């Protein structure tokens, strides 16, 4: 099919031939999205005299190679009556039958023609040329991710515990946990990605200035007030919804007062320092807390007492907090005994001491008494904690009996994983009522991450990851929180919110499965690695992440020596039992027979955010950067 130019290009060749750089600029002027590395190879193939300069005819050949996609020609010809032009009615038919456009009208088709048709006379005739159709198919409107999910569309008036909340671990680190640098960029980049819960590790610093770093390590230090100022600047740049500052507080009472003063001075009215009148005994909603900053820390006394102290002088007022503590050896020992003790708890039922709440067996206390430590907490800082009071997790039963609505638990990944396997139903019951944060185990000194999906499956709101570490867990994190406008808050599915639900991710009894079919048609200018030639051997893996029964992967055959426009035309079908929790991940690799396959790019998104029909899948690097124009071309449909 012969391509027409939307612009005159003769003027660019007035001086005769043009070089590679001018070729790239001219293609950009013609709105042809192209990768420099692919243009360089095609330029070299079409430079007949090998002088590094090409004629207008050679440029036309390059233009045709970059814009001609046989798979798009096939779709166009199927709906064009003369294989040259799409009439408005033909476009309406295509949008209805192939793109599943609901509420279709000629107005929508007309708007698409006006927006994407480059040839004026065709546009005026309310028709579409192949060039216009290609531009439309290559546009954001035809991406896999639904446009409706790009904005906040979910009900934001539920209490905070009804949402998954984008959360980071040791946000100040940009490398490993032991000797790497602490950097403000950790906070800035996390907030820009929509993160809503940031961790701040606070220690006493010189000149009465609290500092932020990973204690007892060689990581560098930041001033607490500098961190707070950076957070204030970027807190609501990506999302209007509340930011939670999770303080890992190791400061003396005097420096805690400095922290409280820094927080109040920097955030002013944005800092939530008293309960909202409409929420005296329930967690407020993200909507009610828009543009608010919440402090998560240990707290002395009740919300009522905090309210009564508002405006009073708290300088020098210090309270003691007693908590259980275990050293590292004891923690490991506890983990070994954990399974056994949990089974004991389920067997013993209600056989417990009414006063202490400690379970007994034949009059003997089951657990040895824990060590405790007393912490001094400045009242000025304590009173800034309202709806996010940090409370050590003891057991599900203890939480049912004693935990208050505004108390949150942080549970290490190892303990959380065992709990999720042994006591899934109770864990879900717990996360229905209380905000639960899961954090990486201490042995992850390299800042590696766990798979967050297993904890989303049981309703954990804050699954905290090391945002600085690329890889599968962060791909899932970024993919999940694309939803709901990238706001950092996603409403949990009803079965993880409603008390009458008996959902167990490992034992799905009732479900309305979705049959998802993906036809992987082709690749477009796929990225090339430094180790591969310009003609990589490419393959695609499609993975499903969700409840255990839904986890699976399928892959295409390898297309040899073609990363520019590989054609697969392979169809894959997945039966997904819990679509509300499912994420779909596309991974492009270059086959390596000796060193193994090499990662080229990926894209992850929630299943229910996928458009049907012919769609373009953008690709992202391991670091999460866009690899445009590299993408995959797919046809998607699913039924429930």
Foldseek 3Di string as FASTA:
>chain_A
DQDDQLDDDVVVCPVPWDALVSLVVVCVVSVQWDDSLLSVVLLCVLCVVNPRIDGPVSSSVSVCVSQDDPVLLVLQVVQDPVSFKHALVSVLVCCVPFQVDPPGDSVVLLVLLVVQASHVVCNVNSMHGSNSSSRSCLDPPFAFFFPVQQAFDDDQFDFPLQWFFAAADLLQFLWFQAAGEGHLVSLQVCLQLQHQEYEFEWEQDPPLFIWTGRPPGNYDIDTLLVSLLSCLVRVPVQAQFEHEYEYNDPYAQSSLLVNLVSNCVRLPPQQDLADDPVPQAAGGTRVVNGSHYAYEEAAPDARVVLVVCPPPDQPPPKDKDKDFDDDPVVVVVCLVCVLVVVVVPVVQPPQADPVPRFHDDPNHGPDDDTDMDMDIHRNSNNSSHHQRYEDEDDDLVCCVVDNGQSYEYEDEPSSVVSCLVPPLQSLLVNSLRHAYEYEYDPVRRRQDFDACQSVVQSSHRHDHGHLSAFDDNVLQSSAECSGSSSNSIDRRPVLSHDPVHRDRLADDDDFDKKKKKKFFFKKAQFDDDPPDDSFFFKKKKKFKGHRPVQTDIDIFHTDGGHNHIGTGRDMDIGIGGCLSSMKIKMWMWGADPPPGIHTRWMHMHRPVSTGARWHWHWTADSSGHTPPPITTIMGMDMDD
